[in-house]
Amino acid sequence: HRTFLGYPAALAPSDRRERFFELYQRVASRHPDRGRL
C-alpha cells in the first residue's frame, strides 16, 4: 500500500484491508499449488 499509493494502509478507508484480504483468500483458494507460482 505504501509502495503504490504512497501512504500507510491504516489511513485508508476502514474496510480496505478486509476487502483486499478477501481477494487474497479467494485467489489463494482457487489457484493450484503448482506451477511457476
PDB file of all heavy atoms in Angstrom:
ATOM      1  N   HIS A   1       0.842  -1.206   0.000  1.00  0.00           N
ATOM      2  CA  HIS A   1       0.000   0.000   0.000  1.00  0.00           C
ATOM      3  C   HIS A   1       0.877   1.255   0.000  1.00  0.00           C
ATOM      4  O   HIS A   1       0.608   2.230  -0.723  1.00  0.00           O
ATOM      5  CB  HIS A   1      -0.911  -0.023   1.224  1.00  0.00           C
ATOM      6  CG  HIS A   1      -2.085   0.893   1.129  1.00  0.00           C
ATOM      7  ND1 HIS A   1      -2.001   2.244   1.406  1.00  0.00           N
ATOM      8  CD2 HIS A   1      -3.380   0.672   0.791  1.00  0.00           C
ATOM      9  CE1 HIS A   1      -3.188   2.796   1.255  1.00  0.00           C
ATOM     10  NE2 HIS A   1      -4.043   1.877   0.879  1.00  0.00           N
ATOM     11  N   ARG A   2       1.919   1.259   0.798  1.00  0.00           N
ATOM     12  CA  ARG A   2       2.837   2.396   0.822  1.00  0.00           C
ATOM     13  C   ARG A   2       3.579   2.534  -0.507  1.00  0.00           C
ATOM     14  O   ARG A   2       3.828   3.649  -0.980  1.00  0.00           O
ATOM     15  CB  ARG A   2       3.847   2.239   1.960  1.00  0.00           C
ATOM     16  CG  ARG A   2       3.274   2.379   3.362  1.00  0.00           C
ATOM     17  CD  ARG A   2       4.288   1.974   4.420  1.00  0.00           C
ATOM     18  NE  ARG A   2       3.763   2.019   5.765  1.00  0.00           N
ATOM     19  CZ  ARG A   2       3.917   3.039   6.609  1.00  0.00           C
ATOM     20  NH1 ARG A   2       4.602   4.101   6.225  1.00  0.00           N
ATOM     21  NH2 ARG A   2       3.411   3.002   7.821  1.00  0.00           N
ATOM     22  N   THR A   3       3.941   1.401  -1.107  1.00  0.00           N
ATOM     23  CA  THR A   3       4.696   1.435  -2.362  1.00  0.00           C
ATOM     24  C   THR A   3       3.883   2.061  -3.485  1.00  0.00           C
ATOM     25  O   THR A   3       4.365   2.945  -4.207  1.00  0.00           O
ATOM     26  CB  THR A   3       5.131   0.018  -2.761  1.00  0.00           C
ATOM     27  OG1 THR A   3       5.989  -0.517  -1.753  1.00  0.00           O
ATOM     28  CG2 THR A   3       5.866   0.026  -4.103  1.00  0.00           C
ATOM     29  N   PHE A   4       2.635   1.622  -3.650  1.00  0.00           N
ATOM     30  CA  PHE A   4       1.848   2.041  -4.808  1.00  0.00           C
ATOM     31  C   PHE A   4       0.950   3.251  -4.545  1.00  0.00           C
ATOM     32  O   PHE A   4       0.727   4.053  -5.455  1.00  0.00           O
ATOM     33  CB  PHE A   4       0.994   0.875  -5.297  1.00  0.00           C
ATOM     34  CG  PHE A   4       1.801  -0.269  -5.848  1.00  0.00           C
ATOM     35  CD1 PHE A   4       1.824  -1.485  -5.209  1.00  0.00           C
ATOM     36  CD2 PHE A   4       2.569  -0.114  -6.985  1.00  0.00           C
ATOM     37  CE1 PHE A   4       2.575  -2.541  -5.692  1.00  0.00           C
ATOM     38  CE2 PHE A   4       3.329  -1.157  -7.485  1.00  0.00           C
ATOM     39  CZ  PHE A   4       3.339  -2.373  -6.841  1.00  0.00           C
ATOM     40  N   LEU A   5       0.441   3.387  -3.327  1.00  0.00           N
ATOM     41  CA  LEU A   5      -0.456   4.503  -3.043  1.00  0.00           C
ATOM     42  C   LEU A   5       0.196   5.608  -2.233  1.00  0.00           C
ATOM     43  O   LEU A   5      -0.346   6.695  -2.120  1.00  0.00           O
ATOM     44  CB  LEU A   5      -1.710   4.005  -2.310  1.00  0.00           C
ATOM     45  CG  LEU A   5      -2.526   2.925  -3.040  1.00  0.00           C
ATOM     46  CD1 LEU A   5      -3.827   2.672  -2.304  1.00  0.00           C
ATOM     47  CD2 LEU A   5      -2.787   3.299  -4.483  1.00  0.00           C
ATOM     48  N   GLY A   6       1.359   5.317  -1.645  1.00  0.00           N
ATOM     49  CA  GLY A   6       2.145   6.381  -1.034  1.00  0.00           C
ATOM     50  C   GLY A   6       1.801   6.737   0.394  1.00  0.00           C
ATOM     51  O   GLY A   6       2.316   7.740   0.901  1.00  0.00           O
ATOM     52  N   TYR A   7       0.963   5.969   1.078  1.00  0.00           N
ATOM     53  CA  TYR A   7       0.660   6.270   2.472  1.00  0.00           C
ATOM     54  C   TYR A   7       0.265   4.988   3.187  1.00  0.00           C
ATOM     55  O   TYR A   7      -0.093   3.988   2.546  1.00  0.00           O
ATOM     56  CB  TYR A   7      -0.448   7.321   2.584  1.00  0.00           C
ATOM     57  CG  TYR A   7      -1.802   6.913   2.046  1.00  0.00           C
ATOM     58  CD1 TYR A   7      -2.783   6.396   2.894  1.00  0.00           C
ATOM     59  CD2 TYR A   7      -2.113   7.052   0.698  1.00  0.00           C
ATOM     60  CE1 TYR A   7      -4.027   6.033   2.423  1.00  0.00           C
ATOM     61  CE2 TYR A   7      -3.348   6.689   0.202  1.00  0.00           C
ATOM     62  CZ  TYR A   7      -4.304   6.183   1.064  1.00  0.00           C
ATOM     63  OH  TYR A   7      -5.542   5.814   0.588  1.00  0.00           O
ATOM     64  N   PRO A   8       0.301   4.961   4.529  1.00  0.00           N
ATOM     65  CA  PRO A   8       0.018   3.731   5.269  1.00  0.00           C
ATOM     66  C   PRO A   8      -1.409   3.249   5.057  1.00  0.00           C
ATOM     67  O   PRO A   8      -2.345   4.049   4.904  1.00  0.00           O
ATOM     68  CB  PRO A   8       0.260   4.122   6.728  1.00  0.00           C
ATOM     69  CG  PRO A   8       1.101   5.350   6.670  1.00  0.00           C
ATOM     70  CD  PRO A   8       0.726   6.063   5.412  1.00  0.00           C
ATOM     71  N   ALA A   9      -1.579   1.939   5.083  1.00  0.00           N
ATOM     72  CA  ALA A   9      -2.915   1.368   4.919  1.00  0.00           C
ATOM     73  C   ALA A   9      -3.836   1.761   6.074  1.00  0.00           C
ATOM     74  O   ALA A   9      -5.054   1.794   5.905  1.00  0.00           O
ATOM     75  CB  ALA A   9      -2.813  -0.153   4.819  1.00  0.00           C
ATOM     76  N   ALA A  10      -3.259   2.070   7.243  1.00  0.00           N
ATOM     77  CA  ALA A  10      -4.081   2.466   8.390  1.00  0.00           C
ATOM     78  C   ALA A  10      -4.851   3.763   8.135  1.00  0.00           C
ATOM     79  O   ALA A  10      -5.871   4.021   8.787  1.00  0.00           O
ATOM     80  CB  ALA A  10      -3.202   2.616   9.627  1.00  0.00           C
ATOM     81  N   LEU A  11      -4.378   4.579   7.197  1.00  0.00           N
ATOM     82  CA  LEU A  11      -5.051   5.845   6.891  1.00  0.00           C
ATOM     83  C   LEU A  11      -6.065   5.707   5.765  1.00  0.00           C
ATOM     84  O   LEU A  11      -6.738   6.673   5.422  1.00  0.00           O
ATOM     85  CB  LEU A  11      -4.016   6.905   6.510  1.00  0.00           C
ATOM     86  CG  LEU A  11      -2.966   7.235   7.572  1.00  0.00           C
ATOM     87  CD1 LEU A  11      -2.008   8.293   7.051  1.00  0.00           C
ATOM     88  CD2 LEU A  11      -3.623   7.684   8.865  1.00  0.00           C
ATOM     89  N   ALA A  12      -6.170   4.521   5.185  1.00  0.00           N
ATOM     90  CA  ALA A  12      -7.110   4.273   4.107  1.00  0.00           C
ATOM     91  C   ALA A  12      -8.512   4.062   4.679  1.00  0.00           C
ATOM     92  O   ALA A  12      -8.685   3.953   5.902  1.00  0.00           O
ATOM     93  CB  ALA A  12      -6.665   3.050   3.314  1.00  0.00           C
ATOM     94  N   PRO A  13      -9.551   4.022   3.838  1.00  0.00           N
ATOM     95  CA  PRO A  13     -10.896   3.704   4.338  1.00  0.00           C
ATOM     96  C   PRO A  13     -10.894   2.429   5.169  1.00  0.00           C
ATOM     97  O   PRO A  13     -10.140   1.487   4.898  1.00  0.00           O
ATOM     98  CB  PRO A  13     -11.711   3.538   3.046  1.00  0.00           C
ATOM     99  CG  PRO A  13     -11.031   4.453   2.069  1.00  0.00           C
ATOM    100  CD  PRO A  13      -9.569   4.367   2.401  1.00  0.00           C
ATOM    101  N   SER A  14     -11.733   2.391   6.176  1.00  0.00           N
ATOM    102  CA  SER A  14     -11.650   1.355   7.208  1.00  0.00           C
ATOM    103  C   SER A  14     -11.842  -0.058   6.668  1.00  0.00           C
ATOM    104  O   SER A  14     -11.321  -1.015   7.249  1.00  0.00           O
ATOM    105  CB  SER A  14     -12.691   1.633   8.290  1.00  0.00           C
ATOM    106  OG  SER A  14     -13.999   1.685   7.734  1.00  0.00           O
ATOM    107  N   ASP A  15     -12.559  -0.213   5.568  1.00  0.00           N
ATOM    108  CA  ASP A  15     -12.830  -1.560   5.068  1.00  0.00           C
ATOM    109  C   ASP A  15     -11.848  -2.022   3.998  1.00  0.00           C
ATOM    110  O   ASP A  15     -12.002  -3.120   3.462  1.00  0.00           O
ATOM    111  CB  ASP A  15     -14.249  -1.640   4.511  1.00  0.00           C
ATOM    112  CG  ASP A  15     -14.434  -0.735   3.287  1.00  0.00           C
ATOM    113  OD1 ASP A  15     -13.673   0.269   3.165  1.00  0.00           O
ATOM    114  OD2 ASP A  15     -15.315  -1.020   2.471  1.00  0.00           O
ATOM    115  N   ARG A  16     -10.836  -1.219   3.689  1.00  0.00           N
ATOM    116  CA  ARG A  16      -9.940  -1.577   2.581  1.00  0.00           C
ATOM    117  C   ARG A  16      -9.129  -2.826   2.905  1.00  0.00           C
ATOM    118  O   ARG A  16      -8.985  -3.707   2.057  1.00  0.00           O
ATOM    119  CB  ARG A  16      -9.008  -0.416   2.242  1.00  0.00           C
ATOM    120  CG  ARG A  16      -8.033  -0.735   1.097  1.00  0.00           C
ATOM    121  CD  ARG A  16      -7.298   0.500   0.626  1.00  0.00           C
ATOM    122  NE  ARG A  16      -8.220   1.472   0.060  1.00  0.00           N
ATOM    123  CZ  ARG A  16      -7.853   2.683  -0.351  1.00  0.00           C
ATOM    124  NH1 ARG A  16      -6.592   3.076  -0.214  1.00  0.00           N
ATOM    125  NH2 ARG A  16      -8.734   3.524  -0.858  1.00  0.00           N
ATOM    126  N   ARG A  17      -8.603  -2.909   4.094  1.00  0.00           N
ATOM    127  CA  ARG A  17      -7.797  -4.078   4.440  1.00  0.00           C
ATOM    128  C   ARG A  17      -8.621  -5.356   4.334  1.00  0.00           C
ATOM    129  O   ARG A  17      -8.158  -6.365   3.794  1.00  0.00           O
ATOM    130  CB  ARG A  17      -7.243  -3.932   5.856  1.00  0.00           C
ATOM    131  CG  ARG A  17      -6.319  -5.072   6.267  1.00  0.00           C
ATOM    132  CD  ARG A  17      -5.842  -4.927   7.695  1.00  0.00           C
ATOM    133  NE  ARG A  17      -6.933  -5.052   8.652  1.00  0.00           N
ATOM    134  CZ  ARG A  17      -6.757  -5.314   9.942  1.00  0.00           C
ATOM    135  NH1 ARG A  17      -5.542  -5.432  10.439  1.00  0.00           N
ATOM    136  NH2 ARG A  17      -7.794  -5.416  10.758  1.00  0.00           N
ATOM    137  N   GLU A  18      -9.865  -5.332   4.823  1.00  0.00           N
ATOM    138  CA  GLU A  18     -10.707  -6.515   4.782  1.00  0.00           C
ATOM    139  C   GLU A  18     -11.051  -6.899   3.353  1.00  0.00           C
ATOM    140  O   GLU A  18     -11.078  -8.092   2.997  1.00  0.00           O
ATOM    141  CB  GLU A  18     -11.993  -6.274   5.584  1.00  0.00           C
ATOM    142  CG  GLU A  18     -11.807  -6.298   7.092  1.00  0.00           C
ATOM    143  CD  GLU A  18     -11.082  -5.065   7.625  1.00  0.00           C
ATOM    144  OE1 GLU A  18     -10.974  -4.064   6.877  1.00  0.00           O
ATOM    145  OE2 GLU A  18     -10.609  -5.105   8.775  1.00  0.00           O
ATOM    146  N   ARG A  19     -11.299  -5.921   2.487  1.00  0.00           N
ATOM    147  CA  ARG A  19     -11.642  -6.233   1.100  1.00  0.00           C
ATOM    148  C   ARG A  19     -10.457  -6.851   0.357  1.00  0.00           C
ATOM    149  O   ARG A  19     -10.625  -7.802  -0.418  1.00  0.00           O
ATOM    150  CB  ARG A  19     -12.123  -4.967   0.375  1.00  0.00           C
ATOM    151  CG  ARG A  19     -13.484  -4.484   0.861  1.00  0.00           C
ATOM    152  CD  ARG A  19     -14.044  -3.378   0.003  1.00  0.00           C
ATOM    153  NE  ARG A  19     -13.278  -2.152   0.103  1.00  0.00           N
ATOM    154  CZ  ARG A  19     -12.484  -1.672  -0.839  1.00  0.00           C
ATOM    155  NH1 ARG A  19     -12.316  -2.326  -1.979  1.00  0.00           N
ATOM    156  NH2 ARG A  19     -11.837  -0.527  -0.666  1.00  0.00           N
ATOM    157  N   PHE A  20      -9.269  -6.335   0.582  1.00  0.00           N
ATOM    158  CA  PHE A  20      -8.095  -6.903  -0.077  1.00  0.00           C
ATOM    159  C   PHE A  20      -7.741  -8.268   0.524  1.00  0.00           C
ATOM    160  O   PHE A  20      -7.242  -9.142  -0.196  1.00  0.00           O
ATOM    161  CB  PHE A  20      -6.914  -5.941   0.018  1.00  0.00           C
ATOM    162  CG  PHE A  20      -6.898  -4.906  -1.070  1.00  0.00           C
ATOM    163  CD1 PHE A  20      -7.690  -3.769  -0.986  1.00  0.00           C
ATOM    164  CD2 PHE A  20      -6.104  -5.069  -2.191  1.00  0.00           C
ATOM    165  CE1 PHE A  20      -7.682  -2.816  -1.992  1.00  0.00           C
ATOM    166  CE2 PHE A  20      -6.079  -4.126  -3.201  1.00  0.00           C
ATOM    167  CZ  PHE A  20      -6.881  -3.005  -3.111  1.00  0.00           C
ATOM    168  N   PHE A  21      -7.999  -8.447   1.803  1.00  0.00           N
ATOM    169  CA  PHE A  21      -7.757  -9.757   2.402  1.00  0.00           C
ATOM    170  C   PHE A  21      -8.712 -10.790   1.822  1.00  0.00           C
ATOM    171  O   PHE A  21      -8.334 -11.955   1.621  1.00  0.00           O
ATOM    172  CB  PHE A  21      -7.918  -9.684   3.915  1.00  0.00           C
ATOM    173  CG  PHE A  21      -7.671 -10.987   4.620  1.00  0.00           C
ATOM    174  CD1 PHE A  21      -6.426 -11.599   4.568  1.00  0.00           C
ATOM    175  CD2 PHE A  21      -8.693 -11.614   5.331  1.00  0.00           C
ATOM    176  CE1 PHE A  21      -6.193 -12.816   5.217  1.00  0.00           C
ATOM    177  CE2 PHE A  21      -8.464 -12.816   5.983  1.00  0.00           C
ATOM    178  CZ  PHE A  21      -7.219 -13.417   5.926  1.00  0.00           C
ATOM    179  N   GLU A  22      -9.928 -10.393   1.544  1.00  0.00           N
ATOM    180  CA  GLU A  22     -10.878 -11.303   0.898  1.00  0.00           C
ATOM    181  C   GLU A  22     -10.378 -11.705  -0.496  1.00  0.00           C
ATOM    182  O   GLU A  22     -10.494 -12.864  -0.896  1.00  0.00           O
ATOM    183  CB  GLU A  22     -12.246 -10.633   0.806  1.00  0.00           C
ATOM    184  CG  GLU A  22     -13.322 -11.518   0.191  1.00  0.00           C
ATOM    185  CD  GLU A  22     -14.661 -10.803   0.078  1.00  0.00           C
ATOM    186  OE1 GLU A  22     -14.778  -9.672   0.591  1.00  0.00           O
ATOM    187  OE2 GLU A  22     -15.575 -11.378  -0.530  1.00  0.00           O
ATOM    188  N   LEU A  23      -9.819 -10.744  -1.233  1.00  0.00           N
ATOM    189  CA  LEU A  23      -9.234 -11.056  -2.535  1.00  0.00           C
ATOM    190  C   LEU A  23      -8.081 -12.030  -2.384  1.00  0.00           C
ATOM    191  O   LEU A  23      -7.966 -13.009  -3.146  1.00  0.00           O
ATOM    192  CB  LEU A  23      -8.756  -9.766  -3.205  1.00  0.00           C
ATOM    193  CG  LEU A  23      -7.909  -9.936  -4.482  1.00  0.00           C
ATOM    194  CD1 LEU A  23      -8.729 -10.593  -5.586  1.00  0.00           C
ATOM    195  CD2 LEU A  23      -7.365  -8.580  -4.944  1.00  0.00           C
ATOM    196  N   TYR A  24      -7.216 -11.795  -1.411  1.00  0.00           N
ATOM    197  CA  TYR A  24      -6.088 -12.683  -1.151  1.00  0.00           C
ATOM    198  C   TYR A  24      -6.574 -14.110  -0.889  1.00  0.00           C
ATOM    199  O   TYR A  24      -6.055 -15.078  -1.449  1.00  0.00           O
ATOM    200  CB  TYR A  24      -5.300 -12.144   0.045  1.00  0.00           C
ATOM    201  CG  TYR A  24      -4.324 -13.113   0.663  1.00  0.00           C
ATOM    202  CD1 TYR A  24      -3.045 -13.270   0.143  1.00  0.00           C
ATOM    203  CD2 TYR A  24      -4.694 -13.880   1.771  1.00  0.00           C
ATOM    204  CE1 TYR A  24      -2.147 -14.165   0.721  1.00  0.00           C
ATOM    205  CE2 TYR A  24      -3.805 -14.769   2.349  1.00  0.00           C
ATOM    206  CZ  TYR A  24      -2.536 -14.907   1.819  1.00  0.00           C
ATOM    207  OH  TYR A  24      -1.656 -15.800   2.381  1.00  0.00           O
ATOM    208  N   GLN A  25      -7.580 -14.256  -0.043  1.00  0.00           N
ATOM    209  CA  GLN A  25      -8.087 -15.588   0.285  1.00  0.00           C
ATOM    210  C   GLN A  25      -8.733 -16.253  -0.925  1.00  0.00           C
ATOM    211  O   GLN A  25      -8.551 -17.461  -1.149  1.00  0.00           O
ATOM    212  CB  GLN A  25      -9.108 -15.481   1.419  1.00  0.00           C
ATOM    213  CG  GLN A  25      -8.509 -15.152   2.781  1.00  0.00           C
ATOM    214  CD  GLN A  25      -9.567 -15.124   3.861  1.00  0.00           C
ATOM    215  OE1 GLN A  25     -10.591 -14.448   3.734  1.00  0.00           O
ATOM    216  NE2 GLN A  25      -9.327 -15.852   4.936  1.00  0.00           N
ATOM    217  N   ARG A  26      -9.468 -15.488  -1.706  1.00  0.00           N
ATOM    218  CA  ARG A  26     -10.169 -16.061  -2.859  1.00  0.00           C
ATOM    219  C   ARG A  26      -9.188 -16.582  -3.893  1.00  0.00           C
ATOM    220  O   ARG A  26      -9.354 -17.677  -4.442  1.00  0.00           O
ATOM    221  CB  ARG A  26     -11.109 -15.013  -3.466  1.00  0.00           C
ATOM    222  CG  ARG A  26     -12.033 -15.577  -4.528  1.00  0.00           C
ATOM    223  CD  ARG A  26     -13.194 -14.653  -4.805  1.00  0.00           C
ATOM    224  NE  ARG A  26     -12.774 -13.367  -5.320  1.00  0.00           N
ATOM    225  CZ  ARG A  26     -12.896 -12.222  -4.667  1.00  0.00           C
ATOM    226  NH1 ARG A  26     -13.410 -12.205  -3.448  1.00  0.00           N
ATOM    227  NH2 ARG A  26     -12.519 -11.091  -5.203  1.00  0.00           N
ATOM    228  N   VAL A  27      -8.143 -15.800  -4.176  1.00  0.00           N
ATOM    229  CA  VAL A  27      -7.149 -16.233  -5.163  1.00  0.00           C
ATOM    230  C   VAL A  27      -6.368 -17.435  -4.640  1.00  0.00           C
ATOM    231  O   VAL A  27      -6.137 -18.408  -5.367  1.00  0.00           O
ATOM    232  CB  VAL A  27      -6.198 -15.071  -5.516  1.00  0.00           C
ATOM    233  CG1 VAL A  27      -5.068 -15.551  -6.414  1.00  0.00           C
ATOM    234  CG2 VAL A  27      -6.971 -13.945  -6.193  1.00  0.00           C
ATOM    235  N   ALA A  28      -5.964 -17.390  -3.372  1.00  0.00           N
ATOM    236  CA  ALA A  28      -5.186 -18.489  -2.804  1.00  0.00           C
ATOM    237  C   ALA A  28      -5.972 -19.786  -2.782  1.00  0.00           C
ATOM    238  O   ALA A  28      -5.406 -20.871  -2.961  1.00  0.00           O
ATOM    239  CB  ALA A  28      -4.729 -18.125  -1.396  1.00  0.00           C
ATOM    240  N   SER A  29      -7.288 -19.709  -2.577  1.00  0.00           N
ATOM    241  CA  SER A  29      -8.096 -20.925  -2.501  1.00  0.00           C
ATOM    242  C   SER A  29      -8.382 -21.527  -3.872  1.00  0.00           C
ATOM    243  O   SER A  29      -8.629 -22.728  -3.978  1.00  0.00           O
ATOM    244  CB  SER A  29      -9.419 -20.626  -1.784  1.00  0.00           C
ATOM    245  OG  SER A  29     -10.200 -19.705  -2.536  1.00  0.00           O
ATOM    246  N   ARG A  30      -8.324 -20.711  -4.933  1.00  0.00           N
ATOM    247  CA  ARG A  30      -8.682 -21.195  -6.259  1.00  0.00           C
ATOM    248  C   ARG A  30      -7.481 -21.531  -7.127  1.00  0.00           C
ATOM    249  O   ARG A  30      -7.622 -22.235  -8.131  1.00  0.00           O
ATOM    250  CB  ARG A  30      -9.546 -20.152  -6.977  1.00  0.00           C
ATOM    251  CG  ARG A  30     -10.885 -19.896  -6.301  1.00  0.00           C
ATOM    252  CD  ARG A  30     -11.694 -18.860  -7.037  1.00  0.00           C
ATOM    253  NE  ARG A  30     -12.970 -18.606  -6.380  1.00  0.00           N
ATOM    254  CZ  ARG A  30     -13.870 -17.733  -6.819  1.00  0.00           C
ATOM    255  NH1 ARG A  30     -13.621 -17.021  -7.918  1.00  0.00           N
ATOM    256  NH2 ARG A  30     -15.008 -17.567  -6.161  1.00  0.00           N
ATOM    257  N   HIS A  31      -6.316 -21.031  -6.771  1.00  0.00           N
ATOM    258  CA  HIS A  31      -5.143 -21.276  -7.614  1.00  0.00           C
ATOM    259  C   HIS A  31      -4.483 -22.592  -7.220  1.00  0.00           C
ATOM    260  O   HIS A  31      -4.252 -22.838  -6.026  1.00  0.00           O
ATOM    261  CB  HIS A  31      -4.132 -20.128  -7.462  1.00  0.00           C
ATOM    262  CG  HIS A  31      -2.949 -20.253  -8.355  1.00  0.00           C
ATOM    263  ND1 HIS A  31      -3.014 -19.997  -9.708  1.00  0.00           N
ATOM    264  CD2 HIS A  31      -1.668 -20.620  -8.095  1.00  0.00           C
ATOM    265  CE1 HIS A  31      -1.821 -20.179 -10.239  1.00  0.00           C
ATOM    266  NE2 HIS A  31      -0.997 -20.575  -9.283  1.00  0.00           N
ATOM    267  N   PRO A  32      -4.165 -23.446  -8.168  1.00  0.00           N
ATOM    268  CA  PRO A  32      -3.491 -24.707  -7.822  1.00  0.00           C
ATOM    269  C   PRO A  32      -2.101 -24.440  -7.260  1.00  0.00           C
ATOM    270  O   PRO A  32      -1.404 -23.532  -7.697  1.00  0.00           O
ATOM    271  CB  PRO A  32      -3.432 -25.456  -9.162  1.00  0.00           C
ATOM    272  CG  PRO A  32      -3.547 -24.387 -10.197  1.00  0.00           C
ATOM    273  CD  PRO A  32      -4.414 -23.321  -9.606  1.00  0.00           C
ATOM    274  N   ASP A  33      -1.713 -25.247  -6.305  1.00  0.00           N
ATOM    275  CA  ASP A  33      -0.435 -25.045  -5.623  1.00  0.00           C
ATOM    276  C   ASP A  33       0.702 -25.684  -6.409  1.00  0.00           C
ATOM    277  O   ASP A  33       1.450 -26.519  -5.904  1.00  0.00           O
ATOM    278  CB  ASP A  33      -0.504 -25.632  -4.213  1.00  0.00           C
ATOM    279  CG  ASP A  33       0.463 -24.927  -3.270  1.00  0.00           C
ATOM    280  OD1 ASP A  33       1.142 -23.977  -3.707  1.00  0.00           O
ATOM    281  OD2 ASP A  33       0.528 -25.319  -2.092  1.00  0.00           O
ATOM    282  N   ARG A  34       0.817 -25.268  -7.646  1.00  0.00           N
ATOM    283  CA  ARG A  34       1.873 -25.778  -8.509  1.00  0.00           C
ATOM    284  C   ARG A  34       2.118 -24.741  -9.603  1.00  0.00           C
ATOM    285  O   ARG A  34       1.393 -23.767  -9.727  1.00  0.00           O
ATOM    286  CB  ARG A  34       1.476 -27.122  -9.126  1.00  0.00           C
ATOM    287  CG  ARG A  34       0.261 -27.067 -10.022  1.00  0.00           C
ATOM    288  CD  ARG A  34      -0.083 -28.433 -10.603  1.00  0.00           C
ATOM    289  NE  ARG A  34      -1.219 -28.368 -11.523  1.00  0.00           N
ATOM    290  CZ  ARG A  34      -2.482 -28.437 -11.148  1.00  0.00           C
ATOM    291  NH1 ARG A  34      -2.773 -28.594  -9.871  1.00  0.00           N
ATOM    292  NH2 ARG A  34      -3.469 -28.362 -12.041  1.00  0.00           N
ATOM    293  N   GLY A  35       3.129 -24.978 -10.413  1.00  0.00           N
ATOM    294  CA  GLY A  35       3.448 -24.050 -11.482  1.00  0.00           C
ATOM    295  C   GLY A  35       4.534 -23.081 -11.070  1.00  0.00           C
ATOM    296  O   GLY A  35       5.255 -23.276 -10.094  1.00  0.00           O
ATOM    297  N   ARG A  36       4.637 -21.978 -11.786  1.00  0.00           N
ATOM    298  CA  ARG A  36       5.706 -21.016 -11.535  1.00  0.00           C
ATOM    299  C   ARG A  36       5.508 -20.282 -10.223  1.00  0.00           C
ATOM    300  O   ARG A  36       6.459 -19.836  -9.593  1.00  0.00           O
ATOM    301  CB  ARG A  36       5.781 -20.034 -12.703  1.00  0.00           C
ATOM    302  CG  ARG A  36       6.127 -20.713 -14.020  1.00  0.00           C
ATOM    303  CD  ARG A  36       6.117 -19.751 -15.175  1.00  0.00           C
ATOM    304  NE  ARG A  36       7.242 -18.832 -15.126  1.00  0.00           N
ATOM    305  CZ  ARG A  36       7.566 -18.027 -16.134  1.00  0.00           C
ATOM    306  NH1 ARG A  36       6.850 -18.030 -17.237  1.00  0.00           N
ATOM    307  NH2 ARG A  36       8.592 -17.217 -16.025  1.00  0.00           N
ATOM    308  N   LEU A  37       4.260 -20.123  -9.805  1.00  0.00           N
ATOM    309  CA  LEU A  37       3.953 -19.520  -8.505  1.00  0.00           C
ATOM    310  C   LEU A  37       2.993 -20.435  -7.771  1.00  0.00           C
ATOM    311  O   LEU A  37       2.050 -20.964  -8.364  1.00  0.00           O
ATOM    312  CB  LEU A  37       3.316 -18.134  -8.680  1.00  0.00           C
ATOM    313  CG  LEU A  37       4.175 -17.023  -9.285  1.00  0.00           C
ATOM    314  CD1 LEU A  37       3.350 -15.756  -9.424  1.00  0.00           C
ATOM    315  CD2 LEU A  37       5.413 -16.761  -8.443  1.00  0.00           C
TER     316      LEU A  37
END
